[in-house]
């Protein structure tokens, strides 16, 4: 099966888009919860209501919807997620500002 958007039927493409959107929503919900716990003093232009209840319900509902998608969408999502992580961490090895500061501190 080709993984090029122009060659996929719209039904398969919509399932791939759905799982990506639901994964992003899950990550955002988890991020809201984690930031509220780890950095409660952080300035926020607005606050999410009923934390951690709302983020937990968001995560549960998104994961529930993701479980209803076909297995092939999971395989494609995991594959692209792995490709993205390899690129992200591969780039960060050479371009990390934190690592550069650590190397400069050791050199002094």
PDB file of N, CA and C in Angstrom:
ATOM      1  N   UNK A   1       0.838  -1.180   0.000  1.00  0.00           N
ATOM      2  CA  UNK A   1       0.000   0.000   0.000  1.00  0.00           C
ATOM      3  C   UNK A   1       0.882   1.241   0.000  1.00  0.00           C
ATOM      4  N   UNK A   2       0.666   2.118  -0.930  1.00  0.00           N
ATOM      5  CA  UNK A   2       1.428   3.360  -0.994  1.00  0.00           C
ATOM      6  C   UNK A   2       0.972   4.298   0.111  1.00  0.00           C
ATOM      7  N   UNK A   3       1.915   5.026   0.670  1.00  0.00           N
ATOM      8  CA  UNK A   3       1.582   5.956   1.750  1.00  0.00           C
ATOM      9  C   UNK A   3       1.701   7.396   1.239  1.00  0.00           C
ATOM     10  N   UNK A   4       1.312   7.630   0.029  1.00  0.00           N
ATOM     11  CA  UNK A   4       1.320   8.975  -0.529  1.00  0.00           C
ATOM     12  C   UNK A   4      -0.114   9.483  -0.566  1.00  0.00           C
ATOM     13  N   UNK A   5      -0.370  10.659  -0.004  1.00  0.00           N
ATOM     14  CA  UNK A   5      -1.747  11.146   0.105  1.00  0.00           C
ATOM     15  C   UNK A   5      -2.496  11.210  -1.218  1.00  0.00           C
ATOM     16  N   UNK A   6      -1.826  11.531  -2.308  1.00  0.00           N
ATOM     17  CA  UNK A   6      -2.507  11.633  -3.588  1.00  0.00           C
ATOM     18  C   UNK A   6      -2.973  10.293  -4.126  1.00  0.00           C
ATOM     19  N   UNK A   7      -2.461   9.200  -3.576  1.00  0.00           N
ATOM     20  CA  UNK A   7      -2.790   7.877  -4.075  1.00  0.00           C
ATOM     21  C   UNK A   7      -3.633   7.063  -3.115  1.00  0.00           C
ATOM     22  N   UNK A   8      -4.060   7.661  -2.015  1.00  0.00           N
ATOM     23  CA  UNK A   8      -4.884   6.952  -1.036  1.00  0.00           C
ATOM     24  C   UNK A   8      -6.344   7.310  -1.236  1.00  0.00           C
ATOM     25  N   UNK A   9      -7.214   6.345  -1.053  1.00  0.00           N
ATOM     26  CA  UNK A   9      -8.638   6.685  -1.032  1.00  0.00           C
ATOM     27  C   UNK A   9      -8.916   7.630   0.140  1.00  0.00           C
ATOM     28  N   UNK A  10      -9.870   8.514  -0.021  1.00  0.00           N
ATOM     29  CA  UNK A  10     -10.151   9.526   0.986  1.00  0.00           C
ATOM     30  C   UNK A  10     -10.539   8.898   2.330  1.00  0.00           C
ATOM     31  N   UNK A  11     -11.163   7.725   2.332  1.00  0.00           N
ATOM     32  CA  UNK A  11     -11.536   7.068   3.589  1.00  0.00           C
ATOM     33  C   UNK A  11     -10.297   6.678   4.387  1.00  0.00           C
ATOM     34  N   UNK A  12      -9.296   6.109   3.714  1.00  0.00           N
ATOM     35  CA  UNK A  12      -8.066   5.730   4.417  1.00  0.00           C
ATOM     36  C   UNK A  12      -7.306   6.965   4.880  1.00  0.00           C
ATOM     37  N   UNK A  13      -7.253   7.979   4.047  1.00  0.00           N
ATOM     38  CA  UNK A  13      -6.559   9.204   4.402  1.00  0.00           C
ATOM     39  C   UNK A  13      -7.221   9.872   5.604  1.00  0.00           C
ATOM     40  N   UNK A  14      -8.541   9.865   5.647  1.00  0.00           N
ATOM     41  CA  UNK A  14      -9.237  10.484   6.784  1.00  0.00           C
ATOM     42  C   UNK A  14      -8.949   9.735   8.082  1.00  0.00           C
ATOM     43  N   UNK A  15      -8.803   8.420   8.018  1.00  0.00           N
ATOM     44  CA  UNK A  15      -8.468   7.656   9.225  1.00  0.00           C
ATOM     45  C   UNK A  15      -7.065   7.987   9.717  1.00  0.00           C
ATOM     46  N   UNK A  16      -6.131   8.184   8.785  1.00  0.00           N
ATOM     47  CA  UNK A  16      -4.768   8.562   9.166  1.00  0.00           C
ATOM     48  C   UNK A  16      -4.752   9.955   9.790  1.00  0.00           C
ATOM     49  N   UNK A  17      -5.516  10.864   9.224  1.00  0.00           N
ATOM     50  CA  UNK A  17      -5.590  12.209   9.780  1.00  0.00           C
ATOM     51  C   UNK A  17      -6.252  12.165  11.156  1.00  0.00           C
ATOM     52  N   UNK A  18      -7.290  11.360  11.302  1.00  0.00           N
ATOM     53  CA  UNK A  18      -7.985  11.252  12.586  1.00  0.00           C
ATOM     54  C   UNK A  18      -7.054  10.771  13.688  1.00  0.00           C
ATOM     55  N   UNK A  19      -6.276   9.734  13.439  1.00  0.00           N
ATOM     56  CA  UNK A  19      -5.416   9.205  14.496  1.00  0.00           C
ATOM     57  C   UNK A  19      -4.320  10.201  14.847  1.00  0.00           C
ATOM     58  N   UNK A  20      -3.818  10.929  13.874  1.00  0.00           N
ATOM     59  CA  UNK A  20      -2.813  11.952  14.156  1.00  0.00           C
ATOM     60  C   UNK A  20      -3.380  13.091  14.996  1.00  0.00           C
ATOM     61  N   UNK A  21      -4.577  13.529  14.665  1.00  0.00           N
ATOM     62  CA  UNK A  21      -5.222  14.597  15.420  1.00  0.00           C
ATOM     63  C   UNK A  21      -5.540  14.150  16.840  1.00  0.00           C
ATOM     64  N   UNK A  22      -6.031  12.933  16.985  1.00  0.00           N
ATOM     65  CA  UNK A  22      -6.345  12.414  18.321  1.00  0.00           C
ATOM     66  C   UNK A  22      -5.089  12.238  19.164  1.00  0.00           C
ATOM     67  N   UNK A  23      -3.994  11.808  18.542  1.00  0.00           N
ATOM     68  CA  UNK A  23      -2.732  11.686  19.277  1.00  0.00           C
ATOM     69  C   UNK A  23      -2.253  13.063  19.732  1.00  0.00           C
ATOM     70  N   UNK A  24      -2.328  14.054  18.858  1.00  0.00           N
ATOM     71  CA  UNK A  24      -1.923  15.413  19.227  1.00  0.00           C
ATOM     72  C   UNK A  24      -2.787  15.943  20.370  1.00  0.00           C
ATOM     73  N   UNK A  25      -4.083  15.697  20.324  1.00  0.00           N
ATOM     74  CA  UNK A  25      -4.987  16.131  21.387  1.00  0.00           C
ATOM     75  C   UNK A  25      -4.634  15.455  22.706  1.00  0.00           C
ATOM     76  N   UNK A  26      -4.304  14.172  22.655  1.00  0.00           N
ATOM     77  CA  UNK A  26      -3.902  13.441  23.855  1.00  0.00           C
ATOM     78  C   UNK A  26      -2.642  14.043  24.458  1.00  0.00           C
ATOM     79  N   UNK A  27      -1.677  14.371  23.619  1.00  0.00           N
ATOM     80  CA  UNK A  27      -0.422  14.955  24.090  1.00  0.00           C
ATOM     81  C   UNK A  27      -0.677  16.333  24.707  1.00  0.00           C
ATOM     82  N   UNK A  28      -1.534  17.132  24.096  1.00  0.00           N
ATOM     83  CA  UNK A  28      -1.850  18.452  24.645  1.00  0.00           C
ATOM     84  C   UNK A  28      -2.539  18.318  25.999  1.00  0.00           C
ATOM     85  N   UNK A  29      -3.489  17.404  26.116  1.00  0.00           N
ATOM     86  CA  UNK A  29      -4.163  17.193  27.406  1.00  0.00           C
ATOM     87  C   UNK A  29      -3.161  16.797  28.486  1.00  0.00           C
ATOM     88  N   UNK A  30      -2.265  15.889  28.153  1.00  0.00           N
ATOM     89  CA  UNK A  30      -1.250  15.468  29.118  1.00  0.00           C
ATOM     90  C   UNK A  30      -0.329  16.634  29.459  1.00  0.00           C
ATOM     91  N   UNK A  31       0.029  17.446  28.471  1.00  0.00           N
ATOM     92  CA  UNK A  31       0.889  18.594  28.711  1.00  0.00           C
ATOM     93  C   UNK A  31       0.256  19.632  29.626  1.00  0.00           C
ATOM     94  N   UNK A  32      -1.030  19.891  29.448  1.00  0.00           N
ATOM     95  CA  UNK A  32      -1.746  20.826  30.323  1.00  0.00           C
ATOM     96  C   UNK A  32      -1.695  20.333  31.762  1.00  0.00           C
ATOM     97  N   UNK A  33      -1.954  19.065  31.936  1.00  0.00           N
ATOM     98  CA  UNK A  33      -1.962  18.467  33.274  1.00  0.00           C
ATOM     99  C   UNK A  33      -0.569  18.527  33.912  1.00  0.00           C
ATOM    100  N   UNK A  34       0.446  18.111  33.157  1.00  0.00           N
ATOM    101  CA  UNK A  34       1.814  18.081  33.686  1.00  0.00           C
ATOM    102  C   UNK A  34       2.290  19.497  34.023  1.00  0.00           C
ATOM    103  N   UNK A  35       2.042  20.457  33.131  1.00  0.00           N
ATOM    104  CA  UNK A  35       2.480  21.825  33.414  1.00  0.00           C
ATOM    105  C   UNK A  35       1.779  22.402  34.635  1.00  0.00           C
ATOM    106  N   UNK A  36       0.509  22.094  34.812  1.00  0.00           N
ATOM    107  CA  UNK A  36      -0.205  22.608  35.973  1.00  0.00           C
ATOM    108  C   UNK A  36       0.380  22.043  37.259  1.00  0.00           C
ATOM    109  N   UNK A  37       0.821  20.782  37.229  1.00  0.00           N
ATOM    110  CA  UNK A  37       1.378  20.157  38.431  1.00  0.00           C
ATOM    111  C   UNK A  37       2.823  20.615  38.657  1.00  0.00           C
ATOM    112  N   UNK A  38       3.642  20.617  37.625  1.00  0.00           N
ATOM    113  CA  UNK A  38       5.070  20.925  37.781  1.00  0.00           C
ATOM    114  C   UNK A  38       5.368  22.415  37.890  1.00  0.00           C
ATOM    115  N   UNK A  39       4.571  23.232  37.240  1.00  0.00           N
ATOM    116  CA  UNK A  39       4.812  24.684  37.244  1.00  0.00           C
ATOM    117  C   UNK A  39       3.516  25.438  37.560  1.00  0.00           C
ATOM    118  N   UNK A  40       3.004  25.299  38.778  1.00  0.00           N
ATOM    119  CA  UNK A  40       1.726  25.949  39.103  1.00  0.00           C
ATOM    120  C   UNK A  40       1.808  27.479  39.088  1.00  0.00           C
ATOM    121  N   UNK A  41       2.992  28.038  39.283  1.00  0.00           N
ATOM    122  CA  UNK A  41       3.153  29.487  39.329  1.00  0.00           C
ATOM    123  C   UNK A  41       3.300  30.112  37.938  1.00  0.00           C
ATOM    124  N   UNK A  42       3.396  29.312  36.889  1.00  0.00           N
ATOM    125  CA  UNK A  42       3.594  29.823  35.531  1.00  0.00           C
ATOM    126  C   UNK A  42       2.428  30.723  35.114  1.00  0.00           C
ATOM    127  N   UNK A  43       2.772  31.855  34.480  1.00  0.00           N
ATOM    128  CA  UNK A  43       1.736  32.767  33.978  1.00  0.00           C
ATOM    129  C   UNK A  43       0.987  32.089  32.834  1.00  0.00           C
ATOM    130  N   UNK A  44      -0.328  32.162  32.889  1.00  0.00           N
ATOM    131  CA  UNK A  44      -1.166  31.601  31.830  1.00  0.00           C
ATOM    132  C   UNK A  44      -2.214  32.639  31.448  1.00  0.00           C
ATOM    133  N   UNK A  45      -2.355  32.918  30.145  1.00  0.00           N
ATOM    134  CA  UNK A  45      -3.392  33.873  29.733  1.00  0.00           C
ATOM    135  C   UNK A  45      -4.795  33.380  30.090  1.00  0.00           C
ATOM    136  N   UNK A  46      -4.975  32.058  30.100  1.00  0.00           N
ATOM    137  CA  UNK A  46      -6.229  31.467  30.554  1.00  0.00           C
ATOM    138  C   UNK A  46      -5.895  30.136  31.194  1.00  0.00           C
ATOM    139  N   UNK A  47      -6.798  29.640  32.006  1.00  0.00           N
ATOM    140  CA  UNK A  47      -6.563  28.372  32.685  1.00  0.00           C
ATOM    141  C   UNK A  47      -7.631  27.366  32.265  1.00  0.00           C
ATOM    142  N   UNK A  48      -7.202  26.133  32.098  1.00  0.00           N
ATOM    143  CA  UNK A  48      -8.142  25.061  31.791  1.00  0.00           C
ATOM    144  C   UNK A  48      -8.961  24.776  33.046  1.00  0.00           C
ATOM    145  N   UNK A  49     -10.247  24.551  32.900  1.00  0.00           N
ATOM    146  CA  UNK A  49     -11.081  24.300  34.072  1.00  0.00           C
ATOM    147  C   UNK A  49     -10.913  22.879  34.605  1.00  0.00           C
ATOM    148  N   UNK A  50     -11.109  22.723  35.884  1.00  0.00           N
ATOM    149  CA  UNK A  50     -11.180  21.419  36.556  1.00  0.00           C
ATOM    150  C   UNK A  50      -9.994  20.503  36.254  1.00  0.00           C
ATOM    151  N   UNK A  51      -8.789  21.060  36.269  1.00  0.00           N
ATOM    152  CA  UNK A  51      -7.598  20.220  36.103  1.00  0.00           C
ATOM    153  C   UNK A  51      -7.421  19.440  37.383  1.00  0.00           C
ATOM    154  N   UNK A  52      -7.224  18.147  37.370  1.00  0.00           N
ATOM    155  CA  UNK A  52      -6.880  17.258  36.268  1.00  0.00           C
ATOM    156  C   UNK A  52      -8.070  16.534  35.639  1.00  0.00           C
ATOM    157  N   UNK A  53      -9.299  16.816  36.066  1.00  0.00           N
ATOM    158  CA  UNK A  53     -10.456  16.076  35.547  1.00  0.00           C
ATOM    159  C   UNK A  53     -10.617  16.250  34.033  1.00  0.00           C
ATOM    160  N   UNK A  54     -10.602  17.480  33.550  1.00  0.00           N
ATOM    161  CA  UNK A  54     -10.824  17.726  32.118  1.00  0.00           C
ATOM    162  C   UNK A  54      -9.720  17.095  31.265  1.00  0.00           C
ATOM    163  N   UNK A  55      -8.421  17.282  31.600  1.00  0.00           N
ATOM    164  CA  UNK A  55      -7.397  16.607  30.794  1.00  0.00           C
ATOM    165  C   UNK A  55      -7.501  15.083  30.830  1.00  0.00           C
ATOM    166  N   UNK A  56      -7.823  14.516  31.973  1.00  0.00           N
ATOM    167  CA  UNK A  56      -7.964  13.052  32.058  1.00  0.00           C
ATOM    168  C   UNK A  56      -9.115  12.586  31.176  1.00  0.00           C
ATOM    169  N   UNK A  57     -10.244  13.276  31.247  1.00  0.00           N
ATOM    170  CA  UNK A  57     -11.377  12.900  30.394  1.00  0.00           C
ATOM    171  C   UNK A  57     -11.043  13.091  28.914  1.00  0.00           C
ATOM    172  N   UNK A  58     -10.271  14.131  28.586  1.00  0.00           N
ATOM    173  CA  UNK A  58      -9.846  14.335  27.199  1.00  0.00           C
ATOM    174  C   UNK A  58      -8.957  13.204  26.712  1.00  0.00           C
ATOM    175  N   UNK A  59      -8.011  12.782  27.557  1.00  0.00           N
ATOM    176  CA  UNK A  59      -7.119  11.677  27.197  1.00  0.00           C
ATOM    177  C   UNK A  59      -7.916  10.390  27.009  1.00  0.00           C
ATOM    178  N   UNK A  60      -8.800  10.103  27.955  1.00  0.00           N
ATOM    179  CA  UNK A  60      -9.594   8.868  27.878  1.00  0.00           C
ATOM    180  C   UNK A  60     -10.459   8.859  26.621  1.00  0.00           C
ATOM    181  N   UNK A  61     -11.125   9.979  26.329  1.00  0.00           N
ATOM    182  CA  UNK A  61     -12.011  10.000  25.158  1.00  0.00           C
ATOM    183  C   UNK A  61     -11.220   9.892  23.857  1.00  0.00           C
ATOM    184  N   UNK A  62     -10.061  10.560  23.777  1.00  0.00           N
ATOM    185  CA  UNK A  62      -9.264  10.483  22.549  1.00  0.00           C
ATOM    186  C   UNK A  62      -8.702   9.074  22.348  1.00  0.00           C
ATOM    187  N   UNK A  63      -8.199   8.465  23.417  1.00  0.00           N
ATOM    188  CA  UNK A  63      -7.664   7.105  23.302  1.00  0.00           C
ATOM    189  C   UNK A  63      -8.790   6.127  22.944  1.00  0.00           C
ATOM    190  N   UNK A  64      -9.966   6.326  23.515  1.00  0.00           N
ATOM    191  CA  UNK A  64     -11.105   5.477  23.158  1.00  0.00           C
ATOM    192  C   UNK A  64     -11.404   5.568  21.666  1.00  0.00           C
ATOM    193  N   UNK A  65     -11.444   6.784  21.136  1.00  0.00           N
ATOM    194  CA  UNK A  65     -11.706   6.947  19.700  1.00  0.00           C
ATOM    195  C   UNK A  65     -10.587   6.350  18.854  1.00  0.00           C
ATOM    196  N   UNK A  66      -9.343   6.472  19.335  1.00  0.00           N
ATOM    197  CA  UNK A  66      -8.214   5.889  18.597  1.00  0.00           C
ATOM    198  C   UNK A  66      -8.320   4.372  18.534  1.00  0.00           C
ATOM    199  N   UNK A  67      -8.819   3.748  19.606  1.00  0.00           N
ATOM    200  CA  UNK A  67      -8.944   2.286  19.605  1.00  0.00           C
ATOM    201  C   UNK A  67      -9.978   1.799  18.602  1.00  0.00           C
ATOM    202  N   UNK A  68     -10.857   2.664  18.157  1.00  0.00           N
ATOM    203  CA  UNK A  68     -11.891   2.291  17.186  1.00  0.00           C
ATOM    204  C   UNK A  68     -11.397   2.355  15.742  1.00  0.00           C
ATOM    205  N   UNK A  69     -10.177   2.854  15.539  1.00  0.00           N
ATOM    206  CA  UNK A  69      -9.636   2.944  14.178  1.00  0.00           C
ATOM    207  C   UNK A  69      -8.950   1.629  13.791  1.00  0.00           C
ATOM    208  N   UNK A  70      -8.873   1.326  12.502  1.00  0.00           N
ATOM    209  CA  UNK A  70      -8.245   0.080  12.047  1.00  0.00           C
ATOM    210  C   UNK A  70      -6.765   0.008  12.424  1.00  0.00           C
ATOM    211  N   UNK A  71      -6.260  -1.214  12.517  1.00  0.00           N
ATOM    212  CA  UNK A  71      -4.875  -1.445  12.921  1.00  0.00           C
ATOM    213  C   UNK A  71      -3.876  -0.797  11.968  1.00  0.00           C
ATOM    214  N   UNK A  72      -4.192  -0.743  10.685  1.00  0.00           N
ATOM    215  CA  UNK A  72      -3.256  -0.172   9.712  1.00  0.00           C
ATOM    216  C   UNK A  72      -2.971   1.295  10.033  1.00  0.00           C
ATOM    217  N   UNK A  73      -3.959   2.017  10.552  1.00  0.00           N
ATOM    218  CA  UNK A  73      -3.721   3.411  10.915  1.00  0.00           C
ATOM    219  C   UNK A  73      -2.739   3.504  12.080  1.00  0.00           C
ATOM    220  N   UNK A  74      -2.815   2.555  13.008  1.00  0.00           N
ATOM    221  CA  UNK A  74      -1.852   2.511  14.118  1.00  0.00           C
ATOM    222  C   UNK A  74      -0.449   2.228  13.594  1.00  0.00           C
ATOM    223  N   UNK A  75      -0.343   1.284  12.647  1.00  0.00           N
ATOM    224  CA  UNK A  75       0.971   0.945  12.099  1.00  0.00           C
ATOM    225  C   UNK A  75       1.601   2.140  11.396  1.00  0.00           C
ATOM    226  N   UNK A  76       0.813   2.846  10.602  1.00  0.00           N
ATOM    227  CA  UNK A  76       1.333   4.008   9.882  1.00  0.00           C
ATOM    228  C   UNK A  76       1.703   5.116  10.863  1.00  0.00           C
ATOM    229  N   UNK A  77       0.847   5.357  11.867  1.00  0.00           N
ATOM    230  CA  UNK A  77       1.134   6.396  12.845  1.00  0.00           C
ATOM    231  C   UNK A  77       2.415   6.084  13.622  1.00  0.00           C
ATOM    232  N   UNK A  78       2.570   4.851  14.059  1.00  0.00           N
ATOM    233  CA  UNK A  78       3.769   4.460  14.805  1.00  0.00           C
ATOM    234  C   UNK A  78       4.999   4.602  13.921  1.00  0.00           C
ATOM    235  N   UNK A  79       4.886   4.201  12.660  1.00  0.00           N
ATOM    236  CA  UNK A  79       6.004   4.344  11.735  1.00  0.00           C
ATOM    237  C   UNK A  79       6.424   5.792  11.561  1.00  0.00           C
ATOM    238  N   UNK A  80       5.464   6.680  11.305  1.00  0.00           N
ATOM    239  CA  UNK A  80       5.796   8.096  11.134  1.00  0.00           C
ATOM    240  C   UNK A  80       6.261   8.720  12.442  1.00  0.00           C
ATOM    241  N   UNK A  81       5.721   8.264  13.561  1.00  0.00           N
ATOM    242  CA  UNK A  81       6.173   8.761  14.859  1.00  0.00           C
ATOM    243  C   UNK A  81       7.635   8.401  15.089  1.00  0.00           C
ATOM    244  N   UNK A  82       8.011   7.181  14.749  1.00  0.00           N
ATOM    245  CA  UNK A  82       9.403   6.758  14.891  1.00  0.00           C
ATOM    246  C   UNK A  82      10.326   7.553  13.964  1.00  0.00           C
ATOM    247  N   UNK A  83       9.894   7.774  12.728  1.00  0.00           N
ATOM    248  CA  UNK A  83      10.682   8.580  11.795  1.00  0.00           C
ATOM    249  C   UNK A  83      10.866   9.989  12.363  1.00  0.00           C
ATOM    250  N   UNK A  84       9.802  10.571  12.872  1.00  0.00           N
ATOM    251  CA  UNK A  84       9.878  11.907  13.450  1.00  0.00           C
ATOM    252  C   UNK A  84      10.789  11.974  14.655  1.00  0.00           C
ATOM    253  N   UNK A  85      10.737  10.967  15.519  1.00  0.00           N
ATOM    254  CA  UNK A  85      11.607  10.943  16.693  1.00  0.00           C
ATOM    255  C   UNK A  85      13.072  10.795  16.308  1.00  0.00           C
ATOM    256  N   UNK A  86      13.357   9.973  15.309  1.00  0.00           N
ATOM    257  CA  UNK A  86      14.740   9.818  14.835  1.00  0.00           C
ATOM    258  C   UNK A  86      15.258  11.156  14.297  1.00  0.00           C
ATOM    259  N   UNK A  87      14.456  11.837  13.499  1.00  0.00           N
ATOM    260  CA  UNK A  87      14.864  13.138  12.963  1.00  0.00           C
ATOM    261  C   UNK A  87      15.044  14.144  14.093  1.00  0.00           C
ATOM    262  N   UNK A  88      14.108  14.193  15.018  1.00  0.00           N
ATOM    263  CA  UNK A  88      14.162  15.149  16.126  1.00  0.00           C
ATOM    264  C   UNK A  88      15.412  14.949  16.970  1.00  0.00           C
ATOM    265  N   UNK A  89      15.642  13.716  17.419  1.00  0.00           N
ATOM    266  CA  UNK A  89      16.790  13.478  18.279  1.00  0.00           C
ATOM    267  C   UNK A  89      18.101  13.494  17.496  1.00  0.00           C
ATOM    268  N   UNK A  90      18.073  13.073  16.238  1.00  0.00           N
ATOM    269  CA  UNK A  90      19.273  13.160  15.411  1.00  0.00           C
ATOM    270  C   UNK A  90      19.704  14.603  15.210  1.00  0.00           C
ATOM    271  N   UNK A  91      18.766  15.486  14.973  1.00  0.00           N
ATOM    272  CA  UNK A  91      19.079  16.908  14.810  1.00  0.00           C
ATOM    273  C   UNK A  91      19.544  17.507  16.130  1.00  0.00           C
ATOM    274  N   UNK A  92      18.909  17.120  17.222  1.00  0.00           N
ATOM    275  CA  UNK A  92      19.228  17.739  18.508  1.00  0.00           C
ATOM    276  C   UNK A  92      20.606  17.344  19.030  1.00  0.00           C
ATOM    277  N   UNK A  93      21.152  16.237  18.588  1.00  0.00           N
ATOM    278  CA  UNK A  93      22.484  15.829  19.036  1.00  0.00           C
ATOM    279  C   UNK A  93      23.508  16.899  18.670  1.00  0.00           C
ATOM    280  N   UNK A  94      23.428  17.435  17.468  1.00  0.00           N
ATOM    281  CA  UNK A  94      24.409  18.430  17.003  1.00  0.00           C
ATOM    282  C   UNK A  94      23.996  19.871  17.318  1.00  0.00           C
ATOM    283  N   UNK A  95      22.707  20.129  17.521  1.00  0.00           N
ATOM    284  CA  UNK A  95      22.234  21.505  17.616  1.00  0.00           C
ATOM    285  C   UNK A  95      21.654  21.870  18.986  1.00  0.00           C
ATOM    286  N   UNK A  96      21.842  21.058  19.989  1.00  0.00           N
ATOM    287  CA  UNK A  96      21.276  21.316  21.311  1.00  0.00           C
ATOM    288  C   UNK A  96      22.009  22.458  22.001  1.00  0.00           C
ATOM    289  N   UNK A  97      21.277  23.478  22.403  1.00  0.00           N
ATOM    290  CA  UNK A  97      21.871  24.605  23.125  1.00  0.00           C
ATOM    291  C   UNK A  97      22.306  24.176  24.527  1.00  0.00           C
ATOM    292  N   UNK A  98      21.567  23.278  25.154  1.00  0.00           N
ATOM    293  CA  UNK A  98      21.918  22.792  26.486  1.00  0.00           C
ATOM    294  C   UNK A  98      23.241  22.034  26.427  1.00  0.00           C
ATOM    295  N   UNK A  99      23.406  21.172  25.426  1.00  0.00           N
ATOM    296  CA  UNK A  99      24.663  20.438  25.281  1.00  0.00           C
ATOM    297  C   UNK A  99      25.818  21.386  24.990  1.00  0.00           C
ATOM    298  N   UNK A 100      25.561  22.413  24.186  1.00  0.00           N
ATOM    299  CA  UNK A 100      26.611  23.388  23.884  1.00  0.00           C
ATOM    300  C   UNK A 100      27.043  24.114  25.153  1.00  0.00           C
ATOM    301  N   UNK A 101      26.091  24.515  25.980  1.00  0.00           N
ATOM    302  CA  UNK A 101      26.430  25.180  27.241  1.00  0.00           C
ATOM    303  C   UNK A 101      27.210  24.245  28.154  1.00  0.00           C
ATOM    304  N   UNK A 102      26.833  22.967  28.200  1.00  0.00           N
ATOM    305  CA  UNK A 102      27.548  21.988  29.029  1.00  0.00           C
ATOM    306  C   UNK A 102      28.985  21.797  28.530  1.00  0.00           C
ATOM    307  N   UNK A 103      29.172  21.717  27.209  1.00  0.00           N
ATOM    308  CA  UNK A 103      30.516  21.573  26.650  1.00  0.00           C
ATOM    309  C   UNK A 103      31.361  22.813  26.938  1.00  0.00           C
ATOM    310  N   UNK A 104      30.752  23.993  26.808  1.00  0.00           N
ATOM    311  CA  UNK A 104      31.480  25.227  27.094  1.00  0.00           C
ATOM    312  C   UNK A 104      31.858  25.331  28.565  1.00  0.00           C
ATOM    313  N   UNK A 105      30.989  24.861  29.457  1.00  0.00           N
ATOM    314  CA  UNK A 105      31.282  24.891  30.887  1.00  0.00           C
ATOM    315  C   UNK A 105      32.421  23.934  31.225  1.00  0.00           C
ATOM    316  N   UNK A 106      32.460  22.782  30.571  1.00  0.00           N
ATOM    317  CA  UNK A 106      33.546  21.824  30.805  1.00  0.00           C
ATOM    318  C   UNK A 106      34.875  22.349  30.282  1.00  0.00           C
ATOM    319  N   UNK A 107      34.825  23.097  29.187  1.00  0.00           N
ATOM    320  CA  UNK A 107      36.056  23.614  28.582  1.00  0.00           C
ATOM    321  C   UNK A 107      36.689  24.700  29.446  1.00  0.00           C
ATOM    322  N   UNK A 108      35.864  25.412  30.232  1.00  0.00           N
ATOM    323  CA  UNK A 108      36.408  26.501  31.065  1.00  0.00           C
ATOM    324  C   UNK A 108      37.107  26.007  32.246  1.00  0.00           C
TER     325      UNK A 108
END
